[in-house]
Amino acid sequence: MKHTKKWYVFCIISKDWFMLLLGDDMEKKKYEEIVAKHKPTETRGQNAFIAFVTGGIVGVIGQLLTEVYSSWFDISSKDAATFMLVTLIFLASLFTALGFFDKWVTFCKCGLIIPITGFAHSMTSAGIEYRKEGPIFGLGSNIFKLAGSVILYGVVSAWFFGLLRLLIMGG
C-alpha cells in the first residue's frame, strides 16, 4: 500500500511536470492573443529618424559651443572642444538631476544617449538612485554600473585599434 501511494504522488507530480513542459495548447493560444493585443507597435523608421535628427542637433549645439568658446575666450578649437564637452556633460547631468532628461530620452531615443550626454546621464542617474545608501556602498560602488562597461569597452577598443594602427601603419 505504501508503494502505491508514493507511485500515485509521483505520477501526479510527473504529469504536472509533463504538462508544464508541453504546456496546454489553449493556454498558449490565450497567452499569444493577449500578448498580440497589448504589444506596442514598433516604428523603427520613425525612431531612427528622430534619433538621427536629435543626434544632429546635439552635434550642431556642440559645434556652436566650440565656435563660441573659441571666439569669446580667444583659444584654439581644440581647447574650445574641451570646454564644449564639459558644458554638455554639465547640462546633461543638471537636466537629469532636475528630472526632465529622462523624458527627453524617451522621445529622442539614441539621439541623446549615444553622445557624451548619455554617459553623463547614466552616471548622474546612478548617483541619484544610490545616494541614500551612503558615499561608499551607494555612490562609490554603484555610480559606474552602466558607465563602467562603457569605459571598459572604450579602453579595450582604443587599445585594439591602436595596436592595429601600429601593425598596419607602423606608428
N, C-alpha and C. Protein backbone atom coordinates (compact mmCIF):
# COMPACT_ATOMS: atom_id res chain seq x y z
N MET A 1 0.80 -1.19 0.00
CA MET A 1 0.00 0.00 0.00
C MET A 1 0.86 1.27 0.00
N LYS A 2 1.95 1.23 0.77
CA LYS A 2 2.80 2.41 0.82
C LYS A 2 3.38 2.71 -0.55
N HIS A 3 3.79 1.69 -1.25
CA HIS A 3 4.39 1.91 -2.57
C HIS A 3 3.37 2.48 -3.55
N THR A 4 2.14 2.09 -3.45
CA THR A 4 1.10 2.58 -4.35
C THR A 4 0.88 4.08 -4.15
N LYS A 5 0.83 4.52 -2.88
CA LYS A 5 0.62 5.94 -2.62
C LYS A 5 1.79 6.77 -3.14
N LYS A 6 2.99 6.30 -2.90
CA LYS A 6 4.15 7.03 -3.40
C LYS A 6 4.13 7.07 -4.93
N TRP A 7 3.79 5.96 -5.56
CA TRP A 7 3.73 5.91 -7.00
C TRP A 7 2.66 6.87 -7.52
N TYR A 8 1.53 6.95 -6.84
CA TYR A 8 0.44 7.83 -7.24
C TYR A 8 0.88 9.29 -7.14
N VAL A 9 1.55 9.64 -6.04
CA VAL A 9 2.06 11.01 -5.88
C VAL A 9 3.08 11.30 -6.96
N PHE A 10 3.96 10.35 -7.24
CA PHE A 10 4.96 10.53 -8.28
C PHE A 10 4.29 10.74 -9.64
N CYS A 11 3.23 9.99 -9.93
CA CYS A 11 2.52 10.14 -11.20
C CYS A 11 1.89 11.51 -11.31
N ILE A 12 1.32 12.02 -10.23
CA ILE A 12 0.71 13.36 -10.27
C ILE A 12 1.78 14.41 -10.52
N ILE A 13 2.89 14.30 -9.80
CA ILE A 13 3.97 15.26 -9.99
C ILE A 13 4.52 15.16 -11.41
N SER A 14 4.72 13.95 -11.89
CA SER A 14 5.25 13.76 -13.24
C SER A 14 4.29 14.32 -14.28
N LYS A 15 2.99 14.12 -14.07
CA LYS A 15 2.01 14.63 -15.02
C LYS A 15 2.03 16.15 -15.03
N ASP A 16 2.15 16.76 -13.85
CA ASP A 16 2.22 18.22 -13.79
C ASP A 16 3.46 18.74 -14.50
N TRP A 17 4.59 18.09 -14.28
CA TRP A 17 5.80 18.50 -14.95
C TRP A 17 5.68 18.30 -16.46
N PHE A 18 5.06 17.21 -16.84
CA PHE A 18 4.85 16.94 -18.26
C PHE A 18 3.98 18.03 -18.88
N MET A 19 2.91 18.40 -18.19
CA MET A 19 2.03 19.46 -18.70
C MET A 19 2.75 20.81 -18.67
N LEU A 20 3.60 21.00 -17.67
CA LEU A 20 4.34 22.24 -17.59
C LEU A 20 5.32 22.35 -18.75
N LEU A 21 5.98 21.25 -19.08
CA LEU A 21 6.94 21.26 -20.18
C LEU A 21 6.26 21.43 -21.53
N LEU A 22 5.18 20.71 -21.75
CA LEU A 22 4.49 20.79 -23.04
C LEU A 22 3.58 21.99 -23.12
N GLY A 23 2.93 22.31 -22.01
CA GLY A 23 2.00 23.42 -21.98
C GLY A 23 0.68 23.03 -22.58
N ASP A 24 -0.32 23.69 -22.16
CA ASP A 24 -1.65 23.45 -22.67
C ASP A 24 -1.84 24.32 -23.91
N ASP A 25 -2.29 23.72 -25.01
CA ASP A 25 -2.47 24.47 -26.25
C ASP A 25 -3.42 25.64 -26.09
N MET A 26 -4.48 25.44 -25.33
CA MET A 26 -5.45 26.51 -25.14
C MET A 26 -4.84 27.68 -24.37
N GLU A 27 -4.04 27.38 -23.35
CA GLU A 27 -3.40 28.44 -22.59
C GLU A 27 -2.38 29.18 -23.46
N LYS A 28 -1.66 28.47 -24.30
CA LYS A 28 -0.70 29.12 -25.19
C LYS A 28 -1.41 30.06 -26.16
N LYS A 29 -2.52 29.60 -26.70
CA LYS A 29 -3.27 30.44 -27.65
C LYS A 29 -3.82 31.67 -26.95
N LYS A 30 -4.35 31.52 -25.75
CA LYS A 30 -4.86 32.66 -25.00
C LYS A 30 -3.75 33.64 -24.70
N TYR A 31 -2.62 33.11 -24.28
CA TYR A 31 -1.48 33.95 -23.96
C TYR A 31 -1.00 34.72 -25.19
N GLU A 32 -0.90 34.05 -26.32
CA GLU A 32 -0.46 34.71 -27.55
C GLU A 32 -1.44 35.79 -27.98
N GLU A 33 -2.74 35.54 -27.80
CA GLU A 33 -3.74 36.56 -28.13
C GLU A 33 -3.60 37.78 -27.23
N ILE A 34 -3.40 37.55 -25.94
CA ILE A 34 -3.24 38.67 -25.01
C ILE A 34 -1.98 39.46 -25.32
N VAL A 35 -0.88 38.76 -25.62
CA VAL A 35 0.36 39.44 -25.96
C VAL A 35 0.20 40.24 -27.24
N ALA A 36 -0.42 39.67 -28.24
CA ALA A 36 -0.62 40.37 -29.52
C ALA A 36 -1.51 41.59 -29.34
N LYS A 37 -2.48 41.49 -28.46
CA LYS A 37 -3.40 42.60 -28.22
C LYS A 37 -2.71 43.78 -27.56
N HIS A 38 -1.78 43.50 -26.63
CA HIS A 38 -1.14 44.57 -25.86
C HIS A 38 0.27 44.92 -26.32
N LYS A 39 0.74 44.27 -27.37
CA LYS A 39 2.08 44.53 -27.86
C LYS A 39 2.11 45.90 -28.55
N PRO A 40 3.06 46.76 -28.14
CA PRO A 40 3.12 48.08 -28.77
C PRO A 40 3.65 47.95 -30.20
N THR A 41 3.14 48.81 -31.06
CA THR A 41 3.63 48.79 -32.44
C THR A 41 5.01 49.42 -32.47
N GLU A 42 5.89 48.82 -33.22
CA GLU A 42 7.26 49.30 -33.28
C GLU A 42 7.44 50.10 -34.56
N THR A 43 7.91 51.30 -34.40
CA THR A 43 8.14 52.18 -35.54
C THR A 43 9.64 52.46 -35.63
N ARG A 44 10.37 51.52 -36.17
CA ARG A 44 11.83 51.65 -36.24
C ARG A 44 12.25 52.81 -37.12
N GLY A 45 11.59 52.99 -38.22
CA GLY A 45 11.96 54.08 -39.12
C GLY A 45 11.79 55.44 -38.46
N GLN A 46 10.67 55.61 -37.79
CA GLN A 46 10.41 56.88 -37.10
C GLN A 46 11.42 57.08 -35.97
N ASN A 47 11.69 56.03 -35.20
CA ASN A 47 12.66 56.14 -34.11
C ASN A 47 14.05 56.47 -34.64
N ALA A 48 14.44 55.85 -35.73
CA ALA A 48 15.76 56.12 -36.32
C ALA A 48 15.84 57.56 -36.82
N PHE A 49 14.77 58.04 -37.43
CA PHE A 49 14.76 59.42 -37.93
C PHE A 49 14.87 60.41 -36.78
N ILE A 50 14.09 60.18 -35.72
CA ILE A 50 14.13 61.08 -34.56
C ILE A 50 15.51 61.06 -33.91
N ALA A 51 16.11 59.87 -33.79
CA ALA A 51 17.45 59.77 -33.21
C ALA A 51 18.48 60.46 -34.09
N PHE A 52 18.33 60.32 -35.41
CA PHE A 52 19.25 60.96 -36.35
C PHE A 52 19.17 62.48 -36.24
N VAL A 53 17.96 63.01 -36.23
CA VAL A 53 17.78 64.46 -36.13
C VAL A 53 18.27 64.98 -34.78
N THR A 54 17.92 64.27 -33.71
CA THR A 54 18.32 64.72 -32.38
C THR A 54 19.83 64.66 -32.22
N GLY A 55 20.44 63.58 -32.67
CA GLY A 55 21.90 63.49 -32.63
C GLY A 55 22.56 64.59 -33.44
N GLY A 56 21.95 64.93 -34.57
CA GLY A 56 22.46 66.04 -35.38
C GLY A 56 22.34 67.37 -34.66
N ILE A 57 21.24 67.55 -33.95
CA ILE A 57 21.06 68.79 -33.18
C ILE A 57 22.10 68.88 -32.07
N VAL A 58 22.36 67.76 -31.39
CA VAL A 58 23.39 67.75 -30.35
C VAL A 58 24.75 68.08 -30.97
N GLY A 59 25.03 67.54 -32.15
CA GLY A 59 26.28 67.86 -32.85
C GLY A 59 26.38 69.33 -33.22
N VAL A 60 25.29 69.91 -33.69
CA VAL A 60 25.27 71.33 -34.05
C VAL A 60 25.48 72.19 -32.81
N ILE A 61 24.81 71.83 -31.72
CA ILE A 61 24.98 72.57 -30.47
C ILE A 61 26.43 72.49 -30.01
N GLY A 62 27.02 71.30 -30.12
CA GLY A 62 28.42 71.14 -29.75
C GLY A 62 29.34 71.99 -30.62
N GLN A 63 29.08 72.02 -31.91
CA GLN A 63 29.90 72.84 -32.80
C GLN A 63 29.72 74.33 -32.51
N LEU A 64 28.49 74.74 -32.25
CA LEU A 64 28.25 76.15 -31.90
C LEU A 64 28.96 76.52 -30.61
N LEU A 65 28.90 75.64 -29.62
CA LEU A 65 29.61 75.91 -28.37
C LEU A 65 31.12 76.02 -28.60
N THR A 66 31.64 75.16 -29.45
CA THR A 66 33.08 75.21 -29.76
C THR A 66 33.44 76.54 -30.41
N GLU A 67 32.63 76.97 -31.36
CA GLU A 67 32.89 78.24 -32.04
C GLU A 67 32.76 79.42 -31.08
N VAL A 68 31.74 79.38 -30.24
CA VAL A 68 31.53 80.48 -29.28
C VAL A 68 32.69 80.55 -28.30
N TYR A 69 33.06 79.42 -27.72
CA TYR A 69 34.17 79.41 -26.77
C TYR A 69 35.48 79.83 -27.43
N SER A 70 35.68 79.40 -28.67
CA SER A 70 36.90 79.74 -29.39
C SER A 70 36.99 81.24 -29.62
N SER A 71 35.89 81.87 -29.98
CA SER A 71 35.93 83.31 -30.26
C SER A 71 35.87 84.15 -28.98
N TRP A 72 35.08 83.77 -28.01
CA TRP A 72 34.95 84.56 -26.78
C TRP A 72 36.22 84.53 -25.94
N PHE A 73 36.82 83.36 -25.80
CA PHE A 73 37.98 83.23 -24.92
C PHE A 73 39.30 83.30 -25.69
N ASP A 74 39.21 83.47 -27.01
CA ASP A 74 40.39 83.56 -27.86
C ASP A 74 41.34 82.37 -27.62
N ILE A 75 40.77 81.17 -27.77
CA ILE A 75 41.54 79.94 -27.57
C ILE A 75 41.43 79.10 -28.84
N SER A 76 42.25 78.08 -28.92
CA SER A 76 42.22 77.21 -30.10
C SER A 76 40.94 76.37 -30.10
N SER A 77 40.63 75.84 -31.26
CA SER A 77 39.43 74.99 -31.38
C SER A 77 39.56 73.73 -30.53
N LYS A 78 40.78 73.23 -30.38
CA LYS A 78 40.99 72.03 -29.57
C LYS A 78 40.66 72.31 -28.10
N ASP A 79 41.11 73.44 -27.60
CA ASP A 79 40.79 73.80 -26.21
C ASP A 79 39.31 74.12 -26.06
N ALA A 80 38.72 74.74 -27.06
CA ALA A 80 37.29 75.06 -27.02
C ALA A 80 36.45 73.79 -27.03
N ALA A 81 36.93 72.76 -27.72
CA ALA A 81 36.22 71.48 -27.74
C ALA A 81 36.17 70.86 -26.35
N THR A 82 37.23 71.04 -25.57
CA THR A 82 37.23 70.55 -24.19
C THR A 82 36.16 71.27 -23.37
N PHE A 83 36.09 72.58 -23.52
CA PHE A 83 35.05 73.34 -22.81
C PHE A 83 33.65 72.92 -23.25
N MET A 84 33.50 72.66 -24.54
CA MET A 84 32.21 72.21 -25.07
C MET A 84 31.79 70.89 -24.44
N LEU A 85 32.73 69.94 -24.34
CA LEU A 85 32.42 68.65 -23.72
C LEU A 85 32.03 68.81 -22.26
N VAL A 86 32.76 69.65 -21.55
CA VAL A 86 32.43 69.89 -20.14
C VAL A 86 31.04 70.51 -20.03
N THR A 87 30.71 71.41 -20.92
CA THR A 87 29.39 72.06 -20.90
C THR A 87 28.29 71.05 -21.18
N LEU A 88 28.46 70.20 -22.19
CA LEU A 88 27.44 69.20 -22.50
C LEU A 88 27.27 68.20 -21.36
N ILE A 89 28.37 67.80 -20.74
CA ILE A 89 28.30 66.88 -19.60
C ILE A 89 27.56 67.55 -18.44
N PHE A 90 27.91 68.80 -18.17
CA PHE A 90 27.25 69.53 -17.08
C PHE A 90 25.75 69.67 -17.34
N LEU A 91 25.38 70.06 -18.55
CA LEU A 91 23.96 70.24 -18.87
C LEU A 91 23.19 68.92 -18.78
N ALA A 92 23.77 67.85 -19.28
CA ALA A 92 23.10 66.55 -19.20
C ALA A 92 22.92 66.13 -17.75
N SER A 93 23.94 66.34 -16.93
CA SER A 93 23.84 65.99 -15.50
C SER A 93 22.82 66.87 -14.80
N LEU A 94 22.83 68.14 -15.11
CA LEU A 94 21.86 69.06 -14.49
C LEU A 94 20.43 68.70 -14.88
N PHE A 95 20.20 68.46 -16.15
CA PHE A 95 18.85 68.12 -16.60
C PHE A 95 18.40 66.76 -16.06
N THR A 96 19.34 65.84 -15.86
CA THR A 96 19.00 64.56 -15.23
C THR A 96 18.60 64.78 -13.78
N ALA A 97 19.36 65.60 -13.08
CA ALA A 97 19.06 65.88 -11.67
C ALA A 97 17.73 66.61 -11.52
N LEU A 98 17.41 67.46 -12.46
CA LEU A 98 16.13 68.18 -12.42
C LEU A 98 14.96 67.30 -12.83
N GLY A 99 15.25 66.19 -13.47
CA GLY A 99 14.22 65.19 -13.76
C GLY A 99 13.58 65.22 -15.12
N PHE A 100 14.04 66.06 -16.02
CA PHE A 100 13.39 66.05 -17.33
C PHE A 100 14.26 65.52 -18.45
N PHE A 101 15.48 65.12 -18.18
CA PHE A 101 16.29 64.50 -19.23
C PHE A 101 15.73 63.13 -19.61
N ASP A 102 15.19 62.41 -18.63
CA ASP A 102 14.58 61.10 -18.92
C ASP A 102 13.42 61.23 -19.90
N LYS A 103 12.64 62.28 -19.76
CA LYS A 103 11.51 62.49 -20.67
C LYS A 103 12.02 62.79 -22.08
N TRP A 104 13.10 63.53 -22.18
CA TRP A 104 13.68 63.81 -23.50
C TRP A 104 14.21 62.53 -24.13
N VAL A 105 14.86 61.69 -23.31
CA VAL A 105 15.42 60.44 -23.83
C VAL A 105 14.30 59.52 -24.30
N THR A 106 13.18 59.52 -23.60
CA THR A 106 12.05 58.69 -24.01
C THR A 106 11.59 59.08 -25.41
N PHE A 107 11.62 60.35 -25.72
CA PHE A 107 11.22 60.80 -27.05
C PHE A 107 12.35 60.67 -28.06
N CYS A 108 13.56 61.09 -27.69
CA CYS A 108 14.67 61.19 -28.65
C CYS A 108 15.45 59.90 -28.84
N LYS A 109 15.29 58.94 -27.94
CA LYS A 109 15.97 57.65 -28.01
C LYS A 109 17.48 57.81 -28.06
N CYS A 110 18.14 57.18 -28.99
CA CYS A 110 19.60 57.15 -29.03
C CYS A 110 20.22 58.49 -29.44
N GLY A 111 19.42 59.41 -29.92
CA GLY A 111 19.95 60.71 -30.30
C GLY A 111 20.56 61.44 -29.12
N LEU A 112 20.08 61.16 -27.91
CA LEU A 112 20.64 61.77 -26.71
C LEU A 112 21.50 60.82 -25.90
N ILE A 113 21.32 59.53 -26.09
CA ILE A 113 22.05 58.56 -25.28
C ILE A 113 23.43 58.25 -25.86
N ILE A 114 23.57 58.23 -27.17
CA ILE A 114 24.84 57.86 -27.78
C ILE A 114 25.93 58.91 -27.55
N PRO A 115 25.63 60.21 -27.68
CA PRO A 115 26.71 61.18 -27.44
C PRO A 115 27.15 61.18 -25.97
N ILE A 116 28.08 62.05 -25.66
CA ILE A 116 28.64 62.16 -24.31
C ILE A 116 27.55 62.47 -23.28
N THR A 117 26.44 63.03 -23.73
CA THR A 117 25.35 63.33 -22.80
C THR A 117 24.76 62.07 -22.20
N GLY A 118 24.75 60.98 -22.93
CA GLY A 118 24.25 59.72 -22.41
C GLY A 118 25.13 59.16 -21.32
N PHE A 119 26.43 59.34 -21.47
CA PHE A 119 27.37 58.89 -20.44
C PHE A 119 27.15 59.69 -19.15
N ALA A 120 27.00 60.99 -19.28
CA ALA A 120 26.76 61.84 -18.11
C ALA A 120 25.42 61.48 -17.46
N HIS A 121 24.43 61.21 -18.28
CA HIS A 121 23.11 60.85 -17.77
C HIS A 121 23.17 59.54 -16.98
N SER A 122 23.90 58.55 -17.49
CA SER A 122 23.97 57.26 -16.79
C SER A 122 24.66 57.39 -15.44
N MET A 123 25.70 58.18 -15.37
CA MET A 123 26.41 58.34 -14.10
C MET A 123 25.58 59.16 -13.11
N THR A 124 24.93 60.20 -13.57
CA THR A 124 24.12 61.03 -12.68
C THR A 124 22.91 60.26 -12.18
N SER A 125 22.28 59.50 -13.05
CA SER A 125 21.12 58.69 -12.64
C SER A 125 21.50 57.69 -11.56
N ALA A 126 22.62 57.01 -11.75
CA ALA A 126 23.07 56.04 -10.75
C ALA A 126 23.42 56.74 -9.45
N GLY A 127 24.03 57.89 -9.53
CA GLY A 127 24.36 58.65 -8.31
C GLY A 127 23.13 59.08 -7.55
N ILE A 128 22.12 59.54 -8.26
CA ILE A 128 20.87 59.95 -7.62
C ILE A 128 20.15 58.76 -7.01
N GLU A 129 20.14 57.65 -7.74
CA GLU A 129 19.41 56.47 -7.28
C GLU A 129 20.03 55.86 -6.02
N TYR A 130 21.34 55.84 -5.92
CA TYR A 130 22.01 55.15 -4.82
C TYR A 130 22.56 56.08 -3.75
N ARG A 131 22.25 57.35 -3.79
CA ARG A 131 22.82 58.28 -2.81
C ARG A 131 22.36 57.99 -1.39
N LYS A 132 21.18 57.39 -1.22
CA LYS A 132 20.66 57.10 0.11
C LYS A 132 21.43 56.00 0.81
N GLU A 133 22.17 55.19 0.07
CA GLU A 133 22.91 54.09 0.65
C GLU A 133 24.27 54.51 1.17
N GLY A 134 24.60 55.79 1.04
CA GLY A 134 25.86 56.30 1.58
C GLY A 134 26.92 56.50 0.50
N PRO A 135 28.01 57.18 0.90
CA PRO A 135 29.04 57.50 -0.09
C PRO A 135 29.87 56.30 -0.54
N ILE A 136 30.03 55.29 0.33
CA ILE A 136 30.85 54.14 -0.04
C ILE A 136 30.02 53.07 -0.75
N PHE A 137 29.00 52.55 -0.04
CA PHE A 137 28.20 51.46 -0.60
C PHE A 137 27.15 51.96 -1.59
N GLY A 138 26.84 53.23 -1.58
CA GLY A 138 25.88 53.78 -2.51
C GLY A 138 26.55 54.32 -3.75
N LEU A 139 27.12 55.52 -3.60
CA LEU A 139 27.75 56.18 -4.75
C LEU A 139 28.98 55.44 -5.25
N GLY A 140 29.88 55.12 -4.31
CA GLY A 140 31.16 54.53 -4.70
C GLY A 140 31.04 53.21 -5.43
N SER A 141 30.11 52.38 -5.01
CA SER A 141 30.02 51.06 -5.64
C SER A 141 28.98 50.96 -6.74
N ASN A 142 28.15 51.95 -6.91
CA ASN A 142 27.08 51.83 -7.90
C ASN A 142 27.09 52.89 -9.00
N ILE A 143 27.90 53.91 -8.87
CA ILE A 143 27.83 55.00 -9.84
C ILE A 143 28.32 54.56 -11.23
N PHE A 144 29.18 53.55 -11.28
CA PHE A 144 29.70 53.09 -12.57
C PHE A 144 29.00 51.85 -13.08
N LYS A 145 27.80 51.55 -12.60
CA LYS A 145 27.11 50.33 -13.03
C LYS A 145 26.95 50.27 -14.55
N LEU A 146 26.43 51.31 -15.13
CA LEU A 146 26.27 51.34 -16.59
C LEU A 146 27.49 51.95 -17.26
N ALA A 147 28.01 53.00 -16.66
CA ALA A 147 29.14 53.70 -17.27
C ALA A 147 30.41 52.86 -17.25
N GLY A 148 30.52 51.94 -16.30
CA GLY A 148 31.72 51.11 -16.22
C GLY A 148 31.93 50.27 -17.46
N SER A 149 30.86 49.71 -17.99
CA SER A 149 31.01 48.91 -19.22
C SER A 149 31.39 49.79 -20.40
N VAL A 150 30.89 51.01 -20.42
CA VAL A 150 31.25 51.94 -21.50
C VAL A 150 32.74 52.26 -21.42
N ILE A 151 33.22 52.52 -20.21
CA ILE A 151 34.64 52.82 -20.03
C ILE A 151 35.49 51.61 -20.40
N LEU A 152 35.12 50.45 -19.91
CA LEU A 152 35.89 49.23 -20.18
C LEU A 152 36.01 48.97 -21.68
N TYR A 153 34.88 48.95 -22.38
CA TYR A 153 34.94 48.63 -23.81
C TYR A 153 35.54 49.77 -24.62
N GLY A 154 35.43 50.98 -24.12
CA GLY A 154 36.10 52.10 -24.78
C GLY A 154 37.61 51.96 -24.71
N VAL A 155 38.10 51.62 -23.53
CA VAL A 155 39.55 51.44 -23.35
C VAL A 155 40.05 50.25 -24.15
N VAL A 156 39.33 49.14 -24.10
CA VAL A 156 39.75 47.94 -24.85
C VAL A 156 39.72 48.23 -26.34
N SER A 157 38.70 48.91 -26.82
CA SER A 157 38.63 49.24 -28.26
C SER A 157 39.76 50.16 -28.66
N ALA A 158 40.05 51.16 -27.83
CA ALA A 158 41.15 52.09 -28.15
C ALA A 158 42.48 51.35 -28.21
N TRP A 159 42.69 50.42 -27.27
CA TRP A 159 43.92 49.63 -27.28
C TRP A 159 44.00 48.77 -28.54
N PHE A 160 42.90 48.11 -28.88
CA PHE A 160 42.87 47.22 -30.04
C PHE A 160 43.13 48.00 -31.33
N PHE A 161 42.45 49.13 -31.51
CA PHE A 161 42.63 49.88 -32.75
C PHE A 161 43.99 50.57 -32.79
N GLY A 162 44.51 50.93 -31.62
CA GLY A 162 45.87 51.46 -31.58
C GLY A 162 46.89 50.42 -32.00
N LEU A 163 46.71 49.20 -31.52
CA LEU A 163 47.60 48.11 -31.90
C LEU A 163 47.46 47.82 -33.40
N LEU A 164 46.25 47.83 -33.91
CA LEU A 164 46.02 47.61 -35.33
C LEU A 164 46.73 48.68 -36.17
N ARG A 165 46.62 49.91 -35.73
CA ARG A 165 47.27 51.02 -36.45
C ARG A 165 48.79 50.85 -36.43
N LEU A 166 49.29 50.43 -35.27
CA LEU A 166 50.74 50.23 -35.15
C LEU A 166 51.20 49.13 -36.11
N LEU A 167 50.45 48.05 -36.21
CA LEU A 167 50.85 46.94 -37.07
C LEU A 167 50.70 47.29 -38.55
N ILE A 168 49.66 48.03 -38.89
CA ILE A 168 49.42 48.34 -40.31
C ILE A 168 50.26 49.51 -40.79
N MET A 169 50.27 50.59 -40.01
CA MET A 169 50.91 51.81 -40.46
C MET A 169 52.29 52.04 -39.86
N GLY A 170 52.62 51.27 -38.85
CA GLY A 170 53.94 51.40 -38.26
C GLY A 170 54.05 52.54 -37.26
N GLY A 171 52.97 53.03 -36.76
CA GLY A 171 53.08 54.07 -35.73
C GLY A 171 52.11 55.14 -35.81
